[in-house]
Amino acid sequence: MAESTIVNTIGFTKTSAQRFFDRLAAAGVRTLLDVRLHNKSQLAGFAKAEDLAYFLKKIGNISYQHMPILAPEEEMLSEYRKGNTTWEVYAKKFTDLMEQRKIESHIAPSFLNDTCLLCSEDTPHHCHRRLVCEYLNQRWNNALLVRHL
């Protein structure tokens, strides 16, 4: 039986920078994959793209990569955040988008080993980073062992 690829997920809201970076280090993350559509927002605090890449490298020798192909489109995200659609409808639309994009053909399970998918939501329950992992696991015969930090 093949060994599972360990992939982590994390959100940056409702946490301190210290707790955020400590969780990444404790999990042995080597690469942070930013799956946010917008990674430069002033509201992101320590998680703005340029600052985050610097902190990751300096604090934990962790590399940073923005992967917008793993993010929802602006309209579907906006409709959900404004409360104009349910989580179930949003999740279905985003899953359909991942299928259209064939995200599983852009990366391999081994690429995700020792990585962490980042978005803003503090928990994975209503977050697209969880949907990305579930979608890939369906396509890759459960090759991913997902840990939500």
Foldseek 3Di string as FASTA:
>chain_A
DDAAFEFEEFADPPDDPVVVLVVLQVLQAQEEEEQEQQQQDPVSVCRRPVNVQVCCCVPPNHHYHYDPLLYDDPVLVVCVVVVVDDLVVSLVVSLVSCVVSVVCVVDDRVVRHSYYYYDHDGWPPSDSVVSSLVSNCVVVVNRYDYHYD
